[in-house]
Protein backbone atom coordinates (compact mmCIF):
# COMPACT_ATOMS: atom_id res chain seq x y z
CA UNK A 1 0.00 0.00 0.00
CA UNK A 2 1.40 3.38 -0.98
CA UNK A 3 1.48 6.36 1.39
CA UNK A 4 -0.99 8.09 -0.95
CA UNK A 5 -3.46 5.18 -0.75
CA UNK A 6 -3.13 5.13 3.04
CA UNK A 7 -3.92 8.85 3.13
CA UNK A 8 -6.94 8.38 0.85
CA UNK A 9 -8.23 5.48 2.99
CA UNK A 10 -7.73 7.51 6.18
CA UNK A 11 -9.83 10.30 4.68
CA UNK A 12 -12.56 7.87 3.62
CA UNK A 13 -12.70 6.32 7.10
CA UNK A 14 -12.90 9.81 8.65
CA UNK A 15 -15.81 10.63 6.35
CA UNK A 16 -17.52 7.34 7.30
CA UNK A 17 -17.30 8.18 11.00
CA UNK A 18 -18.51 11.75 10.41
CA UNK A 19 -21.54 10.28 8.64
CA UNK A 20 -22.09 7.94 11.60
CA UNK A 21 -22.44 10.78 14.12
CA UNK A 22 -24.52 12.92 11.74
CA UNK A 23 -26.96 10.10 10.96
CA UNK A 24 -27.10 9.19 14.67
CA UNK A 25 -27.95 12.73 15.77
CA UNK A 26 -30.52 13.10 12.96
CA UNK A 27 -31.99 9.66 13.76
CA UNK A 28 -31.58 8.64 10.11
CA UNK A 29 -31.59 4.96 11.03
CA UNK A 30 -31.67 3.53 7.49
CA UNK A 31 -28.66 5.60 6.38
CA UNK A 32 -26.87 4.71 9.60
CA UNK A 33 -27.41 0.98 9.07
CA UNK A 34 -25.72 1.14 5.66
CA UNK A 35 -22.44 2.17 7.32
CA UNK A 36 -21.94 -1.24 8.96
CA UNK A 37 -20.36 -4.43 7.65
CA UNK A 38 -22.61 -7.48 7.49
CA UNK A 39 -20.92 -9.10 10.50
CA UNK A 40 -20.80 -5.89 12.60
CA UNK A 41 -20.22 -6.44 16.33
CA UNK A 42 -20.99 -3.89 19.07
CA UNK A 43 -19.82 -3.78 22.68
CA UNK A 44 -20.86 -1.04 25.07
CA UNK A 45 -23.73 -0.65 27.53
CA UNK A 46 -25.05 -3.79 25.79
CA UNK A 47 -23.69 -6.06 23.07
CA UNK A 48 -25.09 -7.05 19.69
CA UNK A 49 -24.18 -8.66 16.38
CA UNK A 50 -25.30 -7.30 13.03
CA UNK A 51 -26.06 -3.75 11.99
CA UNK A 52 -29.84 -4.29 11.90
CA UNK A 53 -30.01 -5.49 15.51
CA UNK A 54 -27.71 -2.68 16.66
CA UNK A 55 -29.89 -0.05 14.93
CA UNK A 56 -33.08 -1.60 16.28
CA UNK A 57 -31.79 -1.41 19.85
CA UNK A 58 -30.18 2.02 19.45
CA UNK A 59 -33.28 3.55 17.87
CA UNK A 60 -35.43 2.32 20.78
CA UNK A 61 -32.94 3.61 23.35
CA UNK A 62 -32.73 7.07 21.74
CA UNK A 63 -36.28 7.37 20.38
CA UNK A 64 -37.20 10.37 22.53
CA UNK A 65 -33.71 11.78 22.99
CA UNK A 66 -32.06 14.82 21.53
CA UNK A 67 -28.39 14.01 20.93
CA UNK A 68 -25.22 15.82 19.94
CA UNK A 69 -22.03 13.86 19.21
CA UNK A 70 -18.66 15.47 18.53
CA UNK A 71 -15.56 13.65 17.37
CA UNK A 72 -12.04 14.75 18.25
CA UNK A 73 -8.54 14.01 16.91
CA UNK A 74 -8.46 10.38 15.83
CA UNK A 75 -5.83 7.69 15.58
CA UNK A 76 -6.42 5.69 12.38
CA UNK A 77 -4.23 2.71 11.48
CA UNK A 78 -4.67 1.28 7.99
CA UNK A 79 -3.25 -2.20 8.52
CA UNK A 80 -3.81 -3.55 5.04
CA UNK A 81 -5.59 -2.53 1.83
CA UNK A 82 -8.90 -3.82 3.24
CA UNK A 83 -8.64 -3.52 7.05
CA UNK A 84 -8.15 -0.64 9.48
CA UNK A 85 -8.65 0.31 13.12
CA UNK A 86 -9.24 3.61 14.86
CA UNK A 87 -9.70 5.19 18.25
CA UNK A 88 -11.99 8.23 18.22
CA UNK A 89 -12.19 10.46 21.31
CA UNK A 90 -15.70 11.87 21.54
CA UNK A 91 -18.01 14.00 23.63
CA UNK A 92 -21.77 13.76 23.61
CA UNK A 93 -24.97 15.11 25.04
CA UNK A 94 -27.99 12.86 25.45
CA UNK A 95 -31.06 14.81 26.54
CA UNK A 96 -34.07 12.66 27.39
CA UNK A 97 -36.10 15.30 29.23
CA UNK A 98 -39.75 15.84 28.39
CA UNK A 99 -41.63 18.72 29.97
CA UNK A 100 -38.68 19.26 32.29
CA UNK A 101 -38.62 15.67 33.58
CA UNK A 102 -36.10 12.97 32.66
CA UNK A 103 -32.36 12.37 32.17
CA UNK A 104 -29.72 14.72 30.83
CA UNK A 105 -26.20 13.36 30.25
CA UNK A 106 -23.05 15.01 29.01
CA UNK A 107 -20.04 12.79 28.66
CA UNK A 108 -16.86 11.82 26.95
CA UNK A 109 -15.04 8.67 26.03
CA UNK A 110 -13.63 6.71 23.10
CA UNK A 111 -14.94 4.72 20.17
CA UNK A 112 -12.62 1.76 19.46
CA UNK A 113 -13.42 0.58 15.94
CA UNK A 114 -12.42 -1.82 13.21
CA UNK A 115 -13.19 -1.34 9.52
CA UNK A 116 -13.29 -3.50 6.42
CA UNK A 117 -13.16 -2.36 2.83
CA UNK A 118 -15.99 -3.87 0.77
CA UNK A 119 -17.08 -3.40 -2.83
CA UNK A 120 -19.24 -0.55 -1.50
CA UNK A 121 -16.34 1.13 0.31
CA UNK A 122 -15.20 1.19 3.92
CA UNK A 123 -17.64 -0.15 6.54
CA UNK A 124 -17.55 -0.31 10.34
CA UNK A 125 -17.05 -3.96 11.34
CA UNK A 126 -16.70 -3.60 15.12
CA UNK A 127 -17.32 -0.88 17.69
CA UNK A 128 -16.60 -0.73 21.39
CA UNK A 129 -17.47 2.36 23.41
CA UNK A 130 -15.63 3.24 26.58
CA UNK A 131 -16.68 6.18 28.71
CA UNK A 132 -14.25 8.12 30.86
CA UNK A 133 -16.66 10.68 32.33
CA UNK A 134 -20.40 11.30 32.33
CA UNK A 135 -22.19 14.14 34.12
CA UNK A 136 -25.75 12.93 34.66
CA UNK A 137 -28.73 14.84 36.02
CA UNK A 138 -32.16 13.34 36.62
CA UNK A 139 -34.94 15.91 36.71
CA UNK A 140 -37.87 14.71 38.83
CA UNK A 141 -41.57 15.67 38.52
CA UNK A 142 -41.52 17.53 41.85
CA UNK A 143 -38.88 19.94 40.51
CA UNK A 144 -36.04 18.27 42.39
CA UNK A 145 -32.99 16.89 40.62
CA UNK A 146 -30.28 14.33 41.32
CA UNK A 147 -26.73 14.72 39.98
CA UNK A 148 -23.81 12.35 39.65
CA UNK A 149 -20.45 12.37 37.93
CA UNK A 150 -19.62 8.85 36.79
CA UNK A 151 -16.18 7.77 35.61
CA UNK A 152 -17.29 4.72 33.60
CA UNK A 153 -20.30 3.30 31.78
CA UNK A 154 -20.67 0.62 34.47
CA UNK A 155 -20.79 3.25 37.21
CA UNK A 156 -23.40 5.24 35.28
CA UNK A 157 -25.63 2.20 34.69
CA UNK A 158 -25.39 1.18 38.36
CA UNK A 159 -26.29 4.69 39.55
CA UNK A 160 -29.25 4.93 37.16
CA UNK A 161 -30.51 1.55 38.41
CA UNK A 162 -30.29 2.84 41.98
CA UNK A 163 -32.45 5.74 40.88
CA UNK A 164 -34.88 3.30 39.17
CA UNK A 165 -34.38 5.15 35.87
CA UNK A 166 -32.07 3.00 33.69
C-alpha atoms as a PDB file:
ATOM      1  CA  UNK A   1       0.000   0.000   0.000  1.00  0.00           C
ATOM      2  CA  UNK A   2       1.402   3.377  -0.983  1.00  0.00           C
ATOM      3  CA  UNK A   3       1.475   6.355   1.394  1.00  0.00           C
ATOM      4  CA  UNK A   4      -0.994   8.086  -0.951  1.00  0.00           C
ATOM      5  CA  UNK A   5      -3.463   5.176  -0.753  1.00  0.00           C
ATOM      6  CA  UNK A   6      -3.132   5.125   3.042  1.00  0.00           C
ATOM      7  CA  UNK A   7      -3.919   8.854   3.130  1.00  0.00           C
ATOM      8  CA  UNK A   8      -6.944   8.377   0.851  1.00  0.00           C
ATOM      9  CA  UNK A   9      -8.227   5.482   2.993  1.00  0.00           C
ATOM     10  CA  UNK A  10      -7.727   7.507   6.181  1.00  0.00           C
ATOM     11  CA  UNK A  11      -9.827  10.300   4.675  1.00  0.00           C
ATOM     12  CA  UNK A  12     -12.560   7.873   3.619  1.00  0.00           C
ATOM     13  CA  UNK A  13     -12.697   6.316   7.097  1.00  0.00           C
ATOM     14  CA  UNK A  14     -12.896   9.809   8.647  1.00  0.00           C
ATOM     15  CA  UNK A  15     -15.812  10.628   6.346  1.00  0.00           C
ATOM     16  CA  UNK A  16     -17.518   7.342   7.300  1.00  0.00           C
ATOM     17  CA  UNK A  17     -17.298   8.178  11.003  1.00  0.00           C
ATOM     18  CA  UNK A  18     -18.509  11.747  10.411  1.00  0.00           C
ATOM     19  CA  UNK A  19     -21.542  10.276   8.642  1.00  0.00           C
ATOM     20  CA  UNK A  20     -22.086   7.938  11.601  1.00  0.00           C
ATOM     21  CA  UNK A  21     -22.437  10.785  14.122  1.00  0.00           C
ATOM     22  CA  UNK A  22     -24.518  12.922  11.742  1.00  0.00           C
ATOM     23  CA  UNK A  23     -26.959  10.098  10.960  1.00  0.00           C
ATOM     24  CA  UNK A  24     -27.096   9.190  14.668  1.00  0.00           C
ATOM     25  CA  UNK A  25     -27.953  12.731  15.769  1.00  0.00           C
ATOM     26  CA  UNK A  26     -30.519  13.102  12.956  1.00  0.00           C
ATOM     27  CA  UNK A  27     -31.987   9.661  13.756  1.00  0.00           C
ATOM     28  CA  UNK A  28     -31.582   8.643  10.113  1.00  0.00           C
ATOM     29  CA  UNK A  29     -31.592   4.957  11.032  1.00  0.00           C
ATOM     30  CA  UNK A  30     -31.673   3.528   7.488  1.00  0.00           C
ATOM     31  CA  UNK A  31     -28.663   5.596   6.377  1.00  0.00           C
ATOM     32  CA  UNK A  32     -26.872   4.711   9.601  1.00  0.00           C
ATOM     33  CA  UNK A  33     -27.412   0.978   9.074  1.00  0.00           C
ATOM     34  CA  UNK A  34     -25.716   1.142   5.662  1.00  0.00           C
ATOM     35  CA  UNK A  35     -22.441   2.167   7.316  1.00  0.00           C
ATOM     36  CA  UNK A  36     -21.942  -1.241   8.957  1.00  0.00           C
ATOM     37  CA  UNK A  37     -20.362  -4.427   7.649  1.00  0.00           C
ATOM     38  CA  UNK A  38     -22.609  -7.484   7.488  1.00  0.00           C
ATOM     39  CA  UNK A  39     -20.923  -9.098  10.504  1.00  0.00           C
ATOM     40  CA  UNK A  40     -20.800  -5.890  12.600  1.00  0.00           C
ATOM     41  CA  UNK A  41     -20.221  -6.437  16.334  1.00  0.00           C
ATOM     42  CA  UNK A  42     -20.993  -3.890  19.073  1.00  0.00           C
ATOM     43  CA  UNK A  43     -19.823  -3.777  22.680  1.00  0.00           C
ATOM     44  CA  UNK A  44     -20.858  -1.040  25.072  1.00  0.00           C
ATOM     45  CA  UNK A  45     -23.730  -0.652  27.531  1.00  0.00           C
ATOM     46  CA  UNK A  46     -25.051  -3.788  25.785  1.00  0.00           C
ATOM     47  CA  UNK A  47     -23.688  -6.061  23.067  1.00  0.00           C
ATOM     48  CA  UNK A  48     -25.094  -7.051  19.694  1.00  0.00           C
ATOM     49  CA  UNK A  49     -24.176  -8.659  16.379  1.00  0.00           C
ATOM     50  CA  UNK A  50     -25.297  -7.301  13.026  1.00  0.00           C
ATOM     51  CA  UNK A  51     -26.062  -3.754  11.991  1.00  0.00           C
ATOM     52  CA  UNK A  52     -29.838  -4.288  11.900  1.00  0.00           C
ATOM     53  CA  UNK A  53     -30.011  -5.493  15.508  1.00  0.00           C
ATOM     54  CA  UNK A  54     -27.712  -2.677  16.656  1.00  0.00           C
ATOM     55  CA  UNK A  55     -29.886  -0.045  14.930  1.00  0.00           C
ATOM     56  CA  UNK A  56     -33.076  -1.596  16.282  1.00  0.00           C
ATOM     57  CA  UNK A  57     -31.786  -1.414  19.846  1.00  0.00           C
ATOM     58  CA  UNK A  58     -30.176   2.019  19.453  1.00  0.00           C
ATOM     59  CA  UNK A  59     -33.279   3.549  17.867  1.00  0.00           C
ATOM     60  CA  UNK A  60     -35.432   2.319  20.781  1.00  0.00           C
ATOM     61  CA  UNK A  61     -32.935   3.606  23.346  1.00  0.00           C
ATOM     62  CA  UNK A  62     -32.726   7.071  21.742  1.00  0.00           C
ATOM     63  CA  UNK A  63     -36.279   7.368  20.376  1.00  0.00           C
ATOM     64  CA  UNK A  64     -37.203  10.372  22.531  1.00  0.00           C
ATOM     65  CA  UNK A  65     -33.706  11.780  22.992  1.00  0.00           C
ATOM     66  CA  UNK A  66     -32.057  14.820  21.534  1.00  0.00           C
ATOM     67  CA  UNK A  67     -28.387  14.006  20.934  1.00  0.00           C
ATOM     68  CA  UNK A  68     -25.217  15.821  19.936  1.00  0.00           C
ATOM     69  CA  UNK A  69     -22.026  13.857  19.208  1.00  0.00           C
ATOM     70  CA  UNK A  70     -18.663  15.474  18.533  1.00  0.00           C
ATOM     71  CA  UNK A  71     -15.558  13.651  17.366  1.00  0.00           C
ATOM     72  CA  UNK A  72     -12.040  14.747  18.249  1.00  0.00           C
ATOM     73  CA  UNK A  73      -8.541  14.008  16.907  1.00  0.00           C
ATOM     74  CA  UNK A  74      -8.458  10.377  15.832  1.00  0.00           C
ATOM     75  CA  UNK A  75      -5.828   7.691  15.577  1.00  0.00           C
ATOM     76  CA  UNK A  76      -6.422   5.688  12.378  1.00  0.00           C
ATOM     77  CA  UNK A  77      -4.227   2.707  11.481  1.00  0.00           C
ATOM     78  CA  UNK A  78      -4.672   1.284   7.992  1.00  0.00           C
ATOM     79  CA  UNK A  79      -3.251  -2.197   8.523  1.00  0.00           C
ATOM     80  CA  UNK A  80      -3.811  -3.547   5.037  1.00  0.00           C
ATOM     81  CA  UNK A  81      -5.586  -2.526   1.827  1.00  0.00           C
ATOM     82  CA  UNK A  82      -8.896  -3.815   3.243  1.00  0.00           C
ATOM     83  CA  UNK A  83      -8.638  -3.518   7.053  1.00  0.00           C
ATOM     84  CA  UNK A  84      -8.151  -0.645   9.482  1.00  0.00           C
ATOM     85  CA  UNK A  85      -8.649   0.307  13.122  1.00  0.00           C
ATOM     86  CA  UNK A  86      -9.241   3.614  14.864  1.00  0.00           C
ATOM     87  CA  UNK A  87      -9.705   5.194  18.252  1.00  0.00           C
ATOM     88  CA  UNK A  88     -11.988   8.227  18.224  1.00  0.00           C
ATOM     89  CA  UNK A  89     -12.187  10.456  21.306  1.00  0.00           C
ATOM     90  CA  UNK A  90     -15.704  11.869  21.537  1.00  0.00           C
ATOM     91  CA  UNK A  91     -18.010  13.996  23.632  1.00  0.00           C
ATOM     92  CA  UNK A  92     -21.765  13.759  23.606  1.00  0.00           C
ATOM     93  CA  UNK A  93     -24.975  15.114  25.039  1.00  0.00           C
ATOM     94  CA  UNK A  94     -27.992  12.859  25.445  1.00  0.00           C
ATOM     95  CA  UNK A  95     -31.062  14.811  26.542  1.00  0.00           C
ATOM     96  CA  UNK A  96     -34.072  12.656  27.389  1.00  0.00           C
ATOM     97  CA  UNK A  97     -36.097  15.299  29.229  1.00  0.00           C
ATOM     98  CA  UNK A  98     -39.748  15.837  28.386  1.00  0.00           C
ATOM     99  CA  UNK A  99     -41.631  18.716  29.967  1.00  0.00           C
ATOM    100  CA  UNK A 100     -38.675  19.262  32.288  1.00  0.00           C
ATOM    101  CA  UNK A 101     -38.618  15.672  33.576  1.00  0.00           C
ATOM    102  CA  UNK A 102     -36.096  12.966  32.662  1.00  0.00           C
ATOM    103  CA  UNK A 103     -32.361  12.372  32.166  1.00  0.00           C
ATOM    104  CA  UNK A 104     -29.717  14.716  30.829  1.00  0.00           C
ATOM    105  CA  UNK A 105     -26.204  13.362  30.248  1.00  0.00           C
ATOM    106  CA  UNK A 106     -23.047  15.013  29.013  1.00  0.00           C
ATOM    107  CA  UNK A 107     -20.042  12.790  28.661  1.00  0.00           C
ATOM    108  CA  UNK A 108     -16.857  11.816  26.947  1.00  0.00           C
ATOM    109  CA  UNK A 109     -15.039   8.666  26.029  1.00  0.00           C
ATOM    110  CA  UNK A 110     -13.627   6.711  23.104  1.00  0.00           C
ATOM    111  CA  UNK A 111     -14.940   4.722  20.170  1.00  0.00           C
ATOM    112  CA  UNK A 112     -12.615   1.762  19.460  1.00  0.00           C
ATOM    113  CA  UNK A 113     -13.424   0.585  15.939  1.00  0.00           C
ATOM    114  CA  UNK A 114     -12.420  -1.822  13.206  1.00  0.00           C
ATOM    115  CA  UNK A 115     -13.185  -1.341   9.519  1.00  0.00           C
ATOM    116  CA  UNK A 116     -13.286  -3.504   6.417  1.00  0.00           C
ATOM    117  CA  UNK A 117     -13.159  -2.361   2.827  1.00  0.00           C
ATOM    118  CA  UNK A 118     -15.986  -3.867   0.770  1.00  0.00           C
ATOM    119  CA  UNK A 119     -17.077  -3.395  -2.827  1.00  0.00           C
ATOM    120  CA  UNK A 120     -19.239  -0.552  -1.502  1.00  0.00           C
ATOM    121  CA  UNK A 121     -16.339   1.129   0.307  1.00  0.00           C
ATOM    122  CA  UNK A 122     -15.196   1.185   3.923  1.00  0.00           C
ATOM    123  CA  UNK A 123     -17.641  -0.153   6.544  1.00  0.00           C
ATOM    124  CA  UNK A 124     -17.555  -0.314  10.344  1.00  0.00           C
ATOM    125  CA  UNK A 125     -17.051  -3.961  11.338  1.00  0.00           C
ATOM    126  CA  UNK A 126     -16.703  -3.601  15.118  1.00  0.00           C
ATOM    127  CA  UNK A 127     -17.321  -0.876  17.686  1.00  0.00           C
ATOM    128  CA  UNK A 128     -16.596  -0.730  21.388  1.00  0.00           C
ATOM    129  CA  UNK A 129     -17.471   2.362  23.408  1.00  0.00           C
ATOM    130  CA  UNK A 130     -15.629   3.243  26.583  1.00  0.00           C
ATOM    131  CA  UNK A 131     -16.682   6.178  28.713  1.00  0.00           C
ATOM    132  CA  UNK A 132     -14.253   8.125  30.863  1.00  0.00           C
ATOM    133  CA  UNK A 133     -16.657  10.682  32.330  1.00  0.00           C
ATOM    134  CA  UNK A 134     -20.402  11.295  32.334  1.00  0.00           C
ATOM    135  CA  UNK A 135     -22.192  14.140  34.121  1.00  0.00           C
ATOM    136  CA  UNK A 136     -25.748  12.928  34.665  1.00  0.00           C
ATOM    137  CA  UNK A 137     -28.732  14.836  36.022  1.00  0.00           C
ATOM    138  CA  UNK A 138     -32.159  13.340  36.620  1.00  0.00           C
ATOM    139  CA  UNK A 139     -34.940  15.913  36.711  1.00  0.00           C
ATOM    140  CA  UNK A 140     -37.866  14.710  38.827  1.00  0.00           C
ATOM    141  CA  UNK A 141     -41.572  15.672  38.519  1.00  0.00           C
ATOM    142  CA  UNK A 142     -41.516  17.529  41.851  1.00  0.00           C
ATOM    143  CA  UNK A 143     -38.882  19.939  40.508  1.00  0.00           C
ATOM    144  CA  UNK A 144     -36.040  18.268  42.390  1.00  0.00           C
ATOM    145  CA  UNK A 145     -32.988  16.892  40.616  1.00  0.00           C
ATOM    146  CA  UNK A 146     -30.275  14.329  41.324  1.00  0.00           C
ATOM    147  CA  UNK A 147     -26.733  14.719  39.979  1.00  0.00           C
ATOM    148  CA  UNK A 148     -23.811  12.352  39.651  1.00  0.00           C
ATOM    149  CA  UNK A 149     -20.446  12.370  37.929  1.00  0.00           C
ATOM    150  CA  UNK A 150     -19.621   8.846  36.787  1.00  0.00           C
ATOM    151  CA  UNK A 151     -16.183   7.768  35.610  1.00  0.00           C
ATOM    152  CA  UNK A 152     -17.294   4.722  33.602  1.00  0.00           C
ATOM    153  CA  UNK A 153     -20.298   3.301  31.775  1.00  0.00           C
ATOM    154  CA  UNK A 154     -20.668   0.620  34.471  1.00  0.00           C
ATOM    155  CA  UNK A 155     -20.792   3.246  37.213  1.00  0.00           C
ATOM    156  CA  UNK A 156     -23.399   5.239  35.280  1.00  0.00           C
ATOM    157  CA  UNK A 157     -25.627   2.199  34.687  1.00  0.00           C
ATOM    158  CA  UNK A 158     -25.386   1.179  38.359  1.00  0.00           C
ATOM    159  CA  UNK A 159     -26.295   4.688  39.552  1.00  0.00           C
ATOM    160  CA  UNK A 160     -29.248   4.930  37.159  1.00  0.00           C
ATOM    161  CA  UNK A 161     -30.509   1.552  38.406  1.00  0.00           C
ATOM    162  CA  UNK A 162     -30.289   2.843  41.983  1.00  0.00           C
ATOM    163  CA  UNK A 163     -32.452   5.745  40.881  1.00  0.00           C
ATOM    164  CA  UNK A 164     -34.882   3.301  39.169  1.00  0.00           C
ATOM    165  CA  UNK A 165     -34.381   5.155  35.866  1.00  0.00           C
ATOM    166  CA  UNK A 166     -32.067   3.004  33.695  1.00  0.00           C
END
